[in-house]
Amino acid sequence: ALGGDSDNGLQIDSVAEVAPSAFNTNYLKRFTYTDIEGRSDQTIIVSPVGDETVIGSYTQEALGRSGTHSRRVTLPKGARATFWGVRIANVNGDALDIESIEYKTEVTRRKT
């Protein structure tokens, strides 16, 4: 699990980024949604990364303090890329534990 909390009372900003993947095809793909499971006290920021470019940032409500909880972040259609990853960040150094990140892409049938 990845985590961020405090260092001697000072807030720690943390960012986790999943390595980009082409999902075994060179076709362009749309990033449709991501499911995040974990814990956080405050909101988190989810940013899809397509072909090494951040494609927007989406604020997501807290995942919950006890146990693990799942949230789905649905993205608008439009952005296309061959390689996709996702970046997750805490807000103002709040506690953040990520247990799993799963995301779905949709192949557009156009090669790069």
PDB file of N, CA and C in Angstrom:
ATOM      1  N   ALA A   1       0.839  -1.189   0.000  1.00  0.00           N
ATOM      2  CA  ALA A   1       0.000   0.000   0.000  1.00  0.00           C
ATOM      3  C   ALA A   1       0.880   1.246   0.000  1.00  0.00           C
ATOM      4  N   LEU A   2       0.456   2.250  -0.719  1.00  0.00           N
ATOM      5  CA  LEU A   2       1.139   3.533  -0.718  1.00  0.00           C
ATOM      6  C   LEU A   2       0.495   4.417   0.329  1.00  0.00           C
ATOM      7  N   GLY A   3       1.277   5.259   0.996  1.00  0.00           N
ATOM      8  CA  GLY A   3       0.688   6.091   2.034  1.00  0.00           C
ATOM      9  C   GLY A   3       1.360   7.433   2.162  1.00  0.00           C
ATOM     10  N   GLY A   4       0.627   8.409   2.702  1.00  0.00           N
ATOM     11  CA  GLY A   4       1.162   9.735   2.981  1.00  0.00           C
ATOM     12  C   GLY A   4       0.439  10.278   4.194  1.00  0.00           C
ATOM     13  N   ASP A   5       1.174  10.804   5.185  1.00  0.00           N
ATOM     14  CA  ASP A   5       0.521  11.308   6.390  1.00  0.00           C
ATOM     15  C   ASP A   5       1.237  12.561   6.867  1.00  0.00           C
ATOM     16  N   SER A   6       2.157  12.431   7.827  1.00  0.00           N
ATOM     17  CA  SER A   6       2.878  13.615   8.296  1.00  0.00           C
ATOM     18  C   SER A   6       4.295  13.247   8.685  1.00  0.00           C
ATOM     19  N   ASP A   7       5.146  14.245   8.700  1.00  0.00           N
ATOM     20  CA  ASP A   7       6.540  14.091   9.090  1.00  0.00           C
ATOM     21  C   ASP A   7       6.798  15.089  10.207  1.00  0.00           C
ATOM     22  N   ASN A   8       6.805  14.587  11.438  1.00  0.00           N
ATOM     23  CA  ASN A   8       7.034  15.452  12.585  1.00  0.00           C
ATOM     24  C   ASN A   8       6.024  16.601  12.617  1.00  0.00           C
ATOM     25  N   GLY A   9       4.758  16.275  12.270  1.00  0.00           N
ATOM     26  CA  GLY A   9       3.698  17.275  12.293  1.00  0.00           C
ATOM     27  C   GLY A   9       3.532  18.067  11.012  1.00  0.00           C
ATOM     28  N   LEU A  10       4.471  17.957  10.084  1.00  0.00           N
ATOM     29  CA  LEU A  10       4.374  18.666   8.809  1.00  0.00           C
ATOM     30  C   LEU A  10       3.640  17.796   7.797  1.00  0.00           C
ATOM     31  N   GLN A  11       2.831  18.425   6.977  1.00  0.00           N
ATOM     32  CA  GLN A  11       2.078  17.687   5.971  1.00  0.00           C
ATOM     33  C   GLN A  11       3.008  17.156   4.887  1.00  0.00           C
ATOM     34  N   ILE A  12       2.679  15.964   4.391  1.00  0.00           N
ATOM     35  CA  ILE A  12       3.429  15.360   3.295  1.00  0.00           C
ATOM     36  C   ILE A  12       2.496  15.256   2.096  1.00  0.00           C
ATOM     37  N   ASP A  13       2.838  15.932   1.027  1.00  0.00           N
ATOM     38  CA  ASP A  13       2.084  15.783  -0.216  1.00  0.00           C
ATOM     39  C   ASP A  13       2.599  14.528  -0.913  1.00  0.00           C
ATOM     40  N   SER A  14       1.692  13.673  -1.340  1.00  0.00           N
ATOM     41  CA  SER A  14       2.124  12.458  -2.021  1.00  0.00           C
ATOM     42  C   SER A  14       1.405  12.319  -3.352  1.00  0.00           C
ATOM     43  N   VAL A  15       2.129  11.763  -4.297  1.00  0.00           N
ATOM     44  CA  VAL A  15       1.589  11.502  -5.631  1.00  0.00           C
ATOM     45  C   VAL A  15       2.018  10.095  -6.025  1.00  0.00           C
ATOM     46  N   ALA A  16       1.073   9.296  -6.497  1.00  0.00           N
ATOM     47  CA  ALA A  16       1.369   7.960  -7.012  1.00  0.00           C
ATOM     48  C   ALA A  16       0.976   7.929  -8.474  1.00  0.00           C
ATOM     49  N   GLU A  17       1.872   7.439  -9.310  1.00  0.00           N
ATOM     50  CA  GLU A  17       1.555   7.353 -10.742  1.00  0.00           C
ATOM     51  C   GLU A  17       1.797   5.938 -11.229  1.00  0.00           C
ATOM     52  N   VAL A  18       0.781   5.381 -11.888  1.00  0.00           N
ATOM     53  CA  VAL A  18       0.884   4.049 -12.472  1.00  0.00           C
ATOM     54  C   VAL A  18       1.613   4.176 -13.803  1.00  0.00           C
ATOM     55  N   ALA A  19       2.568   3.283 -14.036  1.00  0.00           N
ATOM     56  CA  ALA A  19       3.322   3.303 -15.290  1.00  0.00           C
ATOM     57  C   ALA A  19       2.370   3.157 -16.474  1.00  0.00           C
ATOM     58  N   PRO A  20       2.630   3.896 -17.556  1.00  0.00           N
ATOM     59  CA  PRO A  20       1.742   3.816 -18.721  1.00  0.00           C
ATOM     60  C   PRO A  20       1.786   2.445 -19.389  1.00  0.00           C
ATOM     61  N   SER A  21       0.657   2.082 -19.977  1.00  0.00           N
ATOM     62  CA  SER A  21       0.538   0.808 -20.676  1.00  0.00           C
ATOM     63  C   SER A  21      -0.183   1.021 -21.995  1.00  0.00           C
ATOM     64  N   ALA A  22       0.187   0.223 -23.000  1.00  0.00           N
ATOM     65  CA  ALA A  22      -0.495   0.248 -24.290  1.00  0.00           C
ATOM     66  C   ALA A  22      -1.576  -0.837 -24.348  1.00  0.00           C
ATOM     67  N   PHE A  23      -1.724  -1.626 -23.289  1.00  0.00           N
ATOM     68  CA  PHE A  23      -2.725  -2.680 -23.204  1.00  0.00           C
ATOM     69  C   PHE A  23      -2.641  -3.644 -24.387  1.00  0.00           C
ATOM     70  N   ASN A  24      -1.418  -3.983 -24.765  1.00  0.00           N
ATOM     71  CA  ASN A  24      -1.132  -4.976 -25.809  1.00  0.00           C
ATOM     72  C   ASN A  24      -1.653  -4.619 -27.198  1.00  0.00           C
ATOM     73  N   THR A  25      -1.830  -3.332 -27.478  1.00  0.00           N
ATOM     74  CA  THR A  25      -2.252  -2.918 -28.810  1.00  0.00           C
ATOM     75  C   THR A  25      -1.730  -1.517 -29.108  1.00  0.00           C
ATOM     76  N   ASN A  26      -1.403  -1.259 -30.368  1.00  0.00           N
ATOM     77  CA  ASN A  26      -0.928   0.068 -30.770  1.00  0.00           C
ATOM     78  C   ASN A  26      -2.061   0.978 -31.240  1.00  0.00           C
ATOM     79  N   TYR A  27      -3.300   0.533 -31.097  1.00  0.00           N
ATOM     80  CA  TYR A  27      -4.434   1.370 -31.461  1.00  0.00           C
ATOM     81  C   TYR A  27      -4.617   2.484 -30.431  1.00  0.00           C
ATOM     82  N   LEU A  28      -5.195   3.587 -30.876  1.00  0.00           N
ATOM     83  CA  LEU A  28      -5.562   4.653 -29.941  1.00  0.00           C
ATOM     84  C   LEU A  28      -6.682   4.158 -29.038  1.00  0.00           C
ATOM     85  N   LYS A  29      -6.696   4.657 -27.810  1.00  0.00           N
ATOM     86  CA  LYS A  29      -7.700   4.260 -26.847  1.00  0.00           C
ATOM     87  C   LYS A  29      -8.239   5.480 -26.113  1.00  0.00           C
ATOM     88  N   ARG A  30      -9.494   5.387 -25.654  1.00  0.00           N
ATOM     89  CA  ARG A  30     -10.072   6.378 -24.746  1.00  0.00           C
ATOM     90  C   ARG A  30      -9.954   5.810 -23.340  1.00  0.00           C
ATOM     91  N   PHE A  31      -9.696   6.661 -22.393  1.00  0.00           N
ATOM     92  CA  PHE A  31      -9.661   6.285 -20.979  1.00  0.00           C
ATOM     93  C   PHE A  31     -11.071   6.529 -20.462  1.00  0.00           C
ATOM     94  N   THR A  32     -11.813   5.479 -20.107  1.00  0.00           N
ATOM     95  CA  THR A  32     -13.215   5.657 -19.754  1.00  0.00           C
ATOM     96  C   THR A  32     -13.449   5.858 -18.253  1.00  0.00           C
ATOM     97  N   TYR A  33     -12.786   5.077 -17.423  1.00  0.00           N
ATOM     98  CA  TYR A  33     -12.938   5.265 -15.975  1.00  0.00           C
ATOM     99  C   TYR A  33     -11.801   4.603 -15.220  1.00  0.00           C
ATOM    100  N   THR A  34     -11.689   4.942 -13.951  1.00  0.00           N
ATOM    101  CA  THR A  34     -10.758   4.277 -13.056  1.00  0.00           C
ATOM    102  C   THR A  34     -11.454   3.983 -11.735  1.00  0.00           C
ATOM    103  N   ASP A  35     -11.195   2.828 -11.172  1.00  0.00           N
ATOM    104  CA  ASP A  35     -11.689   2.451  -9.850  1.00  0.00           C
ATOM    105  C   ASP A  35     -10.511   2.506  -8.888  1.00  0.00           C
ATOM    106  N   ILE A  36     -10.705   3.194  -7.774  1.00  0.00           N
ATOM    107  CA  ILE A  36      -9.649   3.348  -6.779  1.00  0.00           C
ATOM    108  C   ILE A  36     -10.162   2.775  -5.471  1.00  0.00           C
ATOM    109  N   GLU A  37      -9.352   1.930  -4.846  1.00  0.00           N
ATOM    110  CA  GLU A  37      -9.721   1.367  -3.557  1.00  0.00           C
ATOM    111  C   GLU A  37      -8.678   1.769  -2.531  1.00  0.00           C
ATOM    112  N   GLY A  38      -9.131   2.254  -1.387  1.00  0.00           N
ATOM    113  CA  GLY A  38      -8.199   2.649  -0.343  1.00  0.00           C
ATOM    114  C   GLY A  38      -8.877   3.454   0.745  1.00  0.00           C
ATOM    115  N   ARG A  39      -8.080   4.278   1.440  1.00  0.00           N
ATOM    116  CA  ARG A  39      -8.566   5.127   2.525  1.00  0.00           C
ATOM    117  C   ARG A  39      -7.989   6.521   2.371  1.00  0.00           C
ATOM    118  N   SER A  40      -8.801   7.532   2.673  1.00  0.00           N
ATOM    119  CA  SER A  40      -8.317   8.913   2.715  1.00  0.00           C
ATOM    120  C   SER A  40      -9.265   9.734   3.574  1.00  0.00           C
ATOM    121  N   ASP A  41      -8.709  10.691   4.308  1.00  0.00           N
ATOM    122  CA  ASP A  41      -9.518  11.557   5.163  1.00  0.00           C
ATOM    123  C   ASP A  41     -10.218  12.645   4.355  1.00  0.00           C
ATOM    124  N   GLN A  42      -9.568  13.130   3.338  1.00  0.00           N
ATOM    125  CA  GLN A  42     -10.075  14.240   2.539  1.00  0.00           C
ATOM    126  C   GLN A  42     -10.156  13.821   1.075  1.00  0.00           C
ATOM    127  N   THR A  43     -10.455  14.768   0.228  1.00  0.00           N
ATOM    128  CA  THR A  43     -10.548  14.483  -1.205  1.00  0.00           C
ATOM    129  C   THR A  43      -9.189  14.091  -1.776  1.00  0.00           C
ATOM    130  N   ILE A  44      -9.239  13.430  -2.906  1.00  0.00           N
ATOM    131  CA  ILE A  44      -8.025  13.091  -3.654  1.00  0.00           C
ATOM    132  C   ILE A  44      -8.170  13.655  -5.056  1.00  0.00           C
ATOM    133  N   ILE A  45      -7.042  13.763  -5.754  1.00  0.00           N
ATOM    134  CA  ILE A  45      -7.053  14.256  -7.136  1.00  0.00           C
ATOM    135  C   ILE A  45      -6.608  13.118  -8.049  1.00  0.00           C
ATOM    136  N   VAL A  46      -7.429  12.801  -9.030  1.00  0.00           N
ATOM    137  CA  VAL A  46      -7.156  11.734  -9.984  1.00  0.00           C
ATOM    138  C   VAL A  46      -6.901  12.374 -11.343  1.00  0.00           C
ATOM    139  N   SER A  47      -5.755  12.050 -11.943  1.00  0.00           N
ATOM    140  CA  SER A  47      -5.386  12.629 -13.243  1.00  0.00           C
ATOM    141  C   SER A  47      -4.981  11.527 -14.213  1.00  0.00           C
ATOM    142  N   PRO A  48      -5.763  11.308 -15.271  1.00  0.00           N
ATOM    143  CA  PRO A  48      -5.331  10.364 -16.293  1.00  0.00           C
ATOM    144  C   PRO A  48      -4.143  10.943 -17.063  1.00  0.00           C
ATOM    145  N   VAL A  49      -3.217  10.067 -17.445  1.00  0.00           N
ATOM    146  CA  VAL A  49      -2.016  10.482 -18.176  1.00  0.00           C
ATOM    147  C   VAL A  49      -1.999   9.713 -19.492  1.00  0.00           C
ATOM    148  N   GLY A  50      -2.156  10.431 -20.610  1.00  0.00           N
ATOM    149  CA  GLY A  50      -2.166   9.812 -21.927  1.00  0.00           C
ATOM    150  C   GLY A  50      -0.970  10.247 -22.739  1.00  0.00           C
ATOM    151  N   ASP A  51      -0.173   9.285 -23.184  1.00  0.00           N
ATOM    152  CA  ASP A  51       1.038   9.568 -23.963  1.00  0.00           C
ATOM    153  C   ASP A  51       1.881  10.656 -23.290  1.00  0.00           C
ATOM    154  N   GLU A  52       2.113  10.480 -21.975  1.00  0.00           N
ATOM    155  CA  GLU A  52       2.968  11.342 -21.146  1.00  0.00           C
ATOM    156  C   GLU A  52       2.412  12.752 -20.928  1.00  0.00           C
ATOM    157  N   THR A  53       1.114  12.960 -21.163  1.00  0.00           N
ATOM    158  CA  THR A  53       0.482  14.255 -20.944  1.00  0.00           C
ATOM    159  C   THR A  53      -0.688  14.084 -19.987  1.00  0.00           C
ATOM    160  N   VAL A  54      -0.750  14.905 -18.950  1.00  0.00           N
ATOM    161  CA  VAL A  54      -1.880  14.855 -18.023  1.00  0.00           C
ATOM    162  C   VAL A  54      -3.114  15.382 -18.751  1.00  0.00           C
ATOM    163  N   ILE A  55      -4.167  14.568 -18.765  1.00  0.00           N
ATOM    164  CA  ILE A  55      -5.397  14.907 -19.476  1.00  0.00           C
ATOM    165  C   ILE A  55      -6.455  15.291 -18.441  1.00  0.00           C
ATOM    166  N   GLY A  56      -6.295  16.431 -17.810  1.00  0.00           N
ATOM    167  CA  GLY A  56      -7.258  16.894 -16.817  1.00  0.00           C
ATOM    168  C   GLY A  56      -7.004  16.327 -15.438  1.00  0.00           C
ATOM    169  N   SER A  57      -7.592  16.955 -14.438  1.00  0.00           N
ATOM    170  CA  SER A  57      -7.515  16.503 -13.053  1.00  0.00           C
ATOM    171  C   SER A  57      -8.919  16.525 -12.481  1.00  0.00           C
ATOM    172  N   TYR A  58      -9.276  15.466 -11.766  1.00  0.00           N
ATOM    173  CA  TYR A  58     -10.618  15.305 -11.241  1.00  0.00           C
ATOM    174  C   TYR A  58     -10.552  15.116  -9.734  1.00  0.00           C
ATOM    175  N   THR A  59     -11.276  15.953  -8.995  1.00  0.00           N
ATOM    176  CA  THR A  59     -11.319  15.848  -7.544  1.00  0.00           C
ATOM    177  C   THR A  59     -12.351  14.800  -7.172  1.00  0.00           C
ATOM    178  N   GLN A  60     -11.957  13.913  -6.282  1.00  0.00           N
ATOM    179  CA  GLN A  60     -12.827  12.819  -5.866  1.00  0.00           C
ATOM    180  C   GLN A  60     -13.019  12.876  -4.356  1.00  0.00           C
ATOM    181  N   GLU A  61     -14.219  12.583  -3.888  1.00  0.00           N
ATOM    182  CA  GLU A  61     -14.507  12.634  -2.459  1.00  0.00           C
ATOM    183  C   GLU A  61     -13.644  11.653  -1.676  1.00  0.00           C
ATOM    184  N   ALA A  62     -13.573  11.860  -0.366  1.00  0.00           N
ATOM    185  CA  ALA A  62     -12.774  11.013   0.512  1.00  0.00           C
ATOM    186  C   ALA A  62     -13.164   9.546   0.354  1.00  0.00           C
ATOM    187  N   LEU A  63     -12.184   8.664   0.500  1.00  0.00           N
ATOM    188  CA  LEU A  63     -12.430   7.231   0.391  1.00  0.00           C
ATOM    189  C   LEU A  63     -12.930   6.640   1.704  1.00  0.00           C
ATOM    190  N   GLY A  64     -12.867   7.379   2.803  1.00  0.00           N
ATOM    191  CA  GLY A  64     -13.305   6.885   4.105  1.00  0.00           C
ATOM    192  C   GLY A  64     -12.126   6.581   4.998  1.00  0.00           C
ATOM    193  N   ARG A  65     -12.299   6.744   6.299  1.00  0.00           N
ATOM    194  CA  ARG A  65     -11.194   6.586   7.252  1.00  0.00           C
ATOM    195  C   ARG A  65     -10.952   5.154   7.679  1.00  0.00           C
ATOM    196  N   SER A  66     -12.009   4.358   7.865  1.00  0.00           N
ATOM    197  CA  SER A  66     -11.811   3.000   8.357  1.00  0.00           C
ATOM    198  C   SER A  66     -12.129   2.001   7.257  1.00  0.00           C
ATOM    199  N   GLY A  67     -11.394   0.919   7.240  1.00  0.00           N
ATOM    200  CA  GLY A  67     -11.569  -0.079   6.194  1.00  0.00           C
ATOM    201  C   GLY A  67     -11.167   0.486   4.841  1.00  0.00           C
ATOM    202  N   THR A  68     -11.371  -0.280   3.804  1.00  0.00           N
ATOM    203  CA  THR A  68     -11.080   0.225   2.464  1.00  0.00           C
ATOM    204  C   THR A  68     -12.395   0.454   1.731  1.00  0.00           C
ATOM    205  N   HIS A  69     -12.409   1.461   0.887  1.00  0.00           N
ATOM    206  CA  HIS A  69     -13.597   1.838   0.140  1.00  0.00           C
ATOM    207  C   HIS A  69     -13.219   2.040  -1.320  1.00  0.00           C
ATOM    208  N   SER A  70     -14.176   1.839  -2.191  1.00  0.00           N
ATOM    209  CA  SER A  70     -13.950   1.983  -3.630  1.00  0.00           C
ATOM    210  C   SER A  70     -14.674   3.202  -4.173  1.00  0.00           C
ATOM    211  N   ARG A  71     -14.040   3.894  -5.106  1.00  0.00           N
ATOM    212  CA  ARG A  71     -14.654   5.010  -5.811  1.00  0.00           C
ATOM    213  C   ARG A  71     -14.350   4.857  -7.293  1.00  0.00           C
ATOM    214  N   ARG A  72     -15.356   5.163  -8.129  1.00  0.00           N
ATOM    215  CA  ARG A  72     -15.156   5.155  -9.580  1.00  0.00           C
ATOM    216  C   ARG A  72     -15.110   6.589 -10.065  1.00  0.00           C
ATOM    217  N   VAL A  73     -14.098   6.904 -10.849  1.00  0.00           N
ATOM    218  CA  VAL A  73     -13.973   8.213 -11.470  1.00  0.00           C
ATOM    219  C   VAL A  73     -14.217   8.004 -12.963  1.00  0.00           C
ATOM    220  N   THR A  74     -15.326   8.555 -13.461  1.00  0.00           N
ATOM    221  CA  THR A  74     -15.673   8.433 -14.873  1.00  0.00           C
ATOM    222  C   THR A  74     -15.196   9.686 -15.603  1.00  0.00           C
ATOM    223  N   LEU A  75     -14.562   9.483 -16.741  1.00  0.00           N
ATOM    224  CA  LEU A  75     -13.979  10.587 -17.483  1.00  0.00           C
ATOM    225  C   LEU A  75     -14.785  10.882 -18.739  1.00  0.00           C
ATOM    226  N   PRO A  76     -14.819  12.144 -19.148  1.00  0.00           N
ATOM    227  CA  PRO A  76     -15.538  12.476 -20.384  1.00  0.00           C
ATOM    228  C   PRO A  76     -14.821  11.887 -21.600  1.00  0.00           C
ATOM    229  N   LYS A  77     -15.591  11.538 -22.627  1.00  0.00           N
ATOM    230  CA  LYS A  77     -14.983  11.015 -23.857  1.00  0.00           C
ATOM    231  C   LYS A  77     -14.282  12.140 -24.599  1.00  0.00           C
ATOM    232  N   GLY A  78     -13.350  11.769 -25.425  1.00  0.00           N
ATOM    233  CA  GLY A  78     -12.683  12.778 -26.240  1.00  0.00           C
ATOM    234  C   GLY A  78     -11.191  12.556 -26.332  1.00  0.00           C
ATOM    235  N   ALA A  79     -10.521  12.503 -25.218  1.00  0.00           N
ATOM    236  CA  ALA A  79      -9.064  12.328 -25.238  1.00  0.00           C
ATOM    237  C   ALA A  79      -8.715  10.913 -25.686  1.00  0.00           C
ATOM    238  N   ARG A  80      -7.763  10.823 -26.595  1.00  0.00           N
ATOM    239  CA  ARG A  80      -7.299   9.530 -27.103  1.00  0.00           C
ATOM    240  C   ARG A  80      -5.783   9.481 -27.001  1.00  0.00           C
ATOM    241  N   ALA A  81      -5.270   8.313 -26.695  1.00  0.00           N
ATOM    242  CA  ALA A  81      -3.826   8.117 -26.608  1.00  0.00           C
ATOM    243  C   ALA A  81      -3.533   6.636 -26.793  1.00  0.00           C
ATOM    244  N   THR A  82      -2.279   6.314 -27.065  1.00  0.00           N
ATOM    245  CA  THR A  82      -1.864   4.927 -27.187  1.00  0.00           C
ATOM    246  C   THR A  82      -1.491   4.364 -25.823  1.00  0.00           C
ATOM    247  N   PHE A  83      -0.732   5.133 -25.038  1.00  0.00           N
ATOM    248  CA  PHE A  83      -0.295   4.712 -23.709  1.00  0.00           C
ATOM    249  C   PHE A  83      -1.079   5.479 -22.648  1.00  0.00           C
ATOM    250  N   TRP A  84      -1.643   4.750 -21.686  1.00  0.00           N
ATOM    251  CA  TRP A  84      -2.412   5.375 -20.608  1.00  0.00           C
ATOM    252  C   TRP A  84      -1.883   4.969 -19.246  1.00  0.00           C
ATOM    253  N   GLY A  85      -1.903   5.901 -18.325  1.00  0.00           N
ATOM    254  CA  GLY A  85      -1.601   5.661 -16.925  1.00  0.00           C
ATOM    255  C   GLY A  85      -2.502   6.556 -16.107  1.00  0.00           C
ATOM    256  N   VAL A  86      -2.326   6.551 -14.794  1.00  0.00           N
ATOM    257  CA  VAL A  86      -3.140   7.402 -13.926  1.00  0.00           C
ATOM    258  C   VAL A  86      -2.274   7.906 -12.775  1.00  0.00           C
ATOM    259  N   ARG A  87      -2.537   9.142 -12.352  1.00  0.00           N
ATOM    260  CA  ARG A  87      -1.813   9.776 -11.246  1.00  0.00           C
ATOM    261  C   ARG A  87      -2.834  10.089 -10.152  1.00  0.00           C
ATOM    262  N   ILE A  88      -2.494   9.754  -8.905  1.00  0.00           N
ATOM    263  CA  ILE A  88      -3.374  10.020  -7.770  1.00  0.00           C
ATOM    264  C   ILE A  88      -2.591  10.813  -6.737  1.00  0.00           C
ATOM    265  N   ALA A  89      -3.199  11.890  -6.225  1.00  0.00           N
ATOM    266  CA  ALA A  89      -2.521  12.758  -5.255  1.00  0.00           C
ATOM    267  C   ALA A  89      -3.444  13.064  -4.090  1.00  0.00           C
ATOM    268  N   ASN A  90      -2.843  13.232  -2.913  1.00  0.00           N
ATOM    269  CA  ASN A  90      -3.639  13.685  -1.771  1.00  0.00           C
ATOM    270  C   ASN A  90      -3.740  15.203  -1.821  1.00  0.00           C
ATOM    271  N   VAL A  91      -4.601  15.778  -0.977  1.00  0.00           N
ATOM    272  CA  VAL A  91      -4.818  17.223  -0.936  1.00  0.00           C
ATOM    273  C   VAL A  91      -4.331  17.744   0.411  1.00  0.00           C
ATOM    274  N   ASN A  92      -3.463  18.742   0.399  1.00  0.00           N
ATOM    275  CA  ASN A  92      -2.945  19.364   1.621  1.00  0.00           C
ATOM    276  C   ASN A  92      -2.288  18.379   2.573  1.00  0.00           C
ATOM    277  N   GLY A  93      -1.656  17.355   2.045  1.00  0.00           N
ATOM    278  CA  GLY A  93      -0.918  16.418   2.890  1.00  0.00           C
ATOM    279  C   GLY A  93      -1.781  15.485   3.719  1.00  0.00           C
ATOM    280  N   ASP A  94      -3.069  15.383   3.433  1.00  0.00           N
ATOM    281  CA  ASP A  94      -3.941  14.510   4.208  1.00  0.00           C
ATOM    282  C   ASP A  94      -3.566  13.046   3.999  1.00  0.00           C
ATOM    283  N   ALA A  95      -3.910  12.217   4.994  1.00  0.00           N
ATOM    284  CA  ALA A  95      -3.595  10.789   4.948  1.00  0.00           C
ATOM    285  C   ALA A  95      -4.186  10.153   3.690  1.00  0.00           C
ATOM    286  N   LEU A  96      -3.413   9.266   3.076  1.00  0.00           N
ATOM    287  CA  LEU A  96      -3.828   8.609   1.840  1.00  0.00           C
ATOM    288  C   LEU A  96      -3.227   7.217   1.792  1.00  0.00           C
ATOM    289  N   ASP A  97      -4.071   6.210   1.672  1.00  0.00           N
ATOM    290  CA  ASP A  97      -3.634   4.824   1.486  1.00  0.00           C
ATOM    291  C   ASP A  97      -4.361   4.273   0.273  1.00  0.00           C
ATOM    292  N   ILE A  98      -3.607   3.838  -0.719  1.00  0.00           N
ATOM    293  CA  ILE A  98      -4.191   3.261  -1.928  1.00  0.00           C
ATOM    294  C   ILE A  98      -3.911   1.770  -1.923  1.00  0.00           C
ATOM    295  N   GLU A  99      -4.971   0.979  -1.961  1.00  0.00           N
ATOM    296  CA  GLU A  99      -4.836  -0.479  -1.994  1.00  0.00           C
ATOM    297  C   GLU A  99      -4.779  -0.990  -3.433  1.00  0.00           C
ATOM    298  N   SER A 100      -5.612  -0.411  -4.310  1.00  0.00           N
ATOM    299  CA  SER A 100      -5.602  -0.859  -5.699  1.00  0.00           C
ATOM    300  C   SER A 100      -6.130   0.233  -6.621  1.00  0.00           C
ATOM    301  N   ILE A 101      -5.642   0.187  -7.850  1.00  0.00           N
ATOM    302  CA  ILE A 101      -6.079   1.101  -8.912  1.00  0.00           C
ATOM    303  C   ILE A 101      -6.370   0.227 -10.128  1.00  0.00           C
ATOM    304  N   GLU A 102      -7.558   0.379 -10.661  1.00  0.00           N
ATOM    305  CA  GLU A 102      -7.933  -0.378 -11.852  1.00  0.00           C
ATOM    306  C   GLU A 102      -8.556   0.596 -12.833  1.00  0.00           C
ATOM    307  N   TYR A 103      -8.180   0.522 -14.094  1.00  0.00           N
ATOM    308  CA  TYR A 103      -8.795   1.433 -15.042  1.00  0.00           C
ATOM    309  C   TYR A 103      -9.131   0.746 -16.342  1.00  0.00           C
ATOM    310  N   LYS A 104     -10.082   1.329 -17.054  1.00  0.00           N
ATOM    311  CA  LYS A 104     -10.592   0.743 -18.295  1.00  0.00           C
ATOM    312  C   LYS A 104     -10.377   1.704 -19.445  1.00  0.00           C
ATOM    313  N   THR A 105      -9.949   1.140 -20.550  1.00  0.00           N
ATOM    314  CA  THR A 105      -9.808   1.918 -21.778  1.00  0.00           C
ATOM    315  C   THR A 105     -10.707   1.299 -22.844  1.00  0.00           C
ATOM    316  N   GLU A 106     -10.987   2.090 -23.855  1.00  0.00           N
ATOM    317  CA  GLU A 106     -11.835   1.654 -24.960  1.00  0.00           C
ATOM    318  C   GLU A 106     -11.049   1.868 -26.253  1.00  0.00           C
ATOM    319  N   VAL A 107     -10.803   0.796 -27.003  1.00  0.00           N
ATOM    320  CA  VAL A 107     -10.029   0.876 -28.249  1.00  0.00           C
ATOM    321  C   VAL A 107     -10.862   1.570 -29.315  1.00  0.00           C
ATOM    322  N   THR A 108     -10.236   2.520 -30.055  1.00  0.00           N
ATOM    323  CA  THR A 108     -10.957   3.281 -31.074  1.00  0.00           C
ATOM    324  C   THR A 108     -10.776   2.720 -32.489  1.00  0.00           C
ATOM    325  N   ARG A 109      -9.927   1.727 -32.640  1.00  0.00           N
ATOM    326  CA  ARG A 109      -9.642   1.101 -33.947  1.00  0.00           C
ATOM    327  C   ARG A 109      -8.873   2.017 -34.904  1.00  0.00           C
ATOM    328  N   ARG A 110      -8.163   2.969 -34.370  1.00  0.00           N
ATOM    329  CA  ARG A 110      -7.294   3.809 -35.190  1.00  0.00           C
ATOM    330  C   ARG A 110      -5.881   3.620 -34.677  1.00  0.00           C
ATOM    331  N   LYS A 111      -4.979   3.260 -35.577  1.00  0.00           N
ATOM    332  CA  LYS A 111      -3.577   3.079 -35.184  1.00  0.00           C
ATOM    333  C   LYS A 111      -2.877   4.415 -35.081  1.00  0.00           C
ATOM    334  N   THR A 112      -1.841   4.440 -34.235  1.00  0.00           N
ATOM    335  CA  THR A 112      -1.057   5.663 -34.082  1.00  0.00           C
ATOM    336  C   THR A 112      -0.039   5.804 -35.175  1.00  0.00           C
TER     337      THR A 112
END
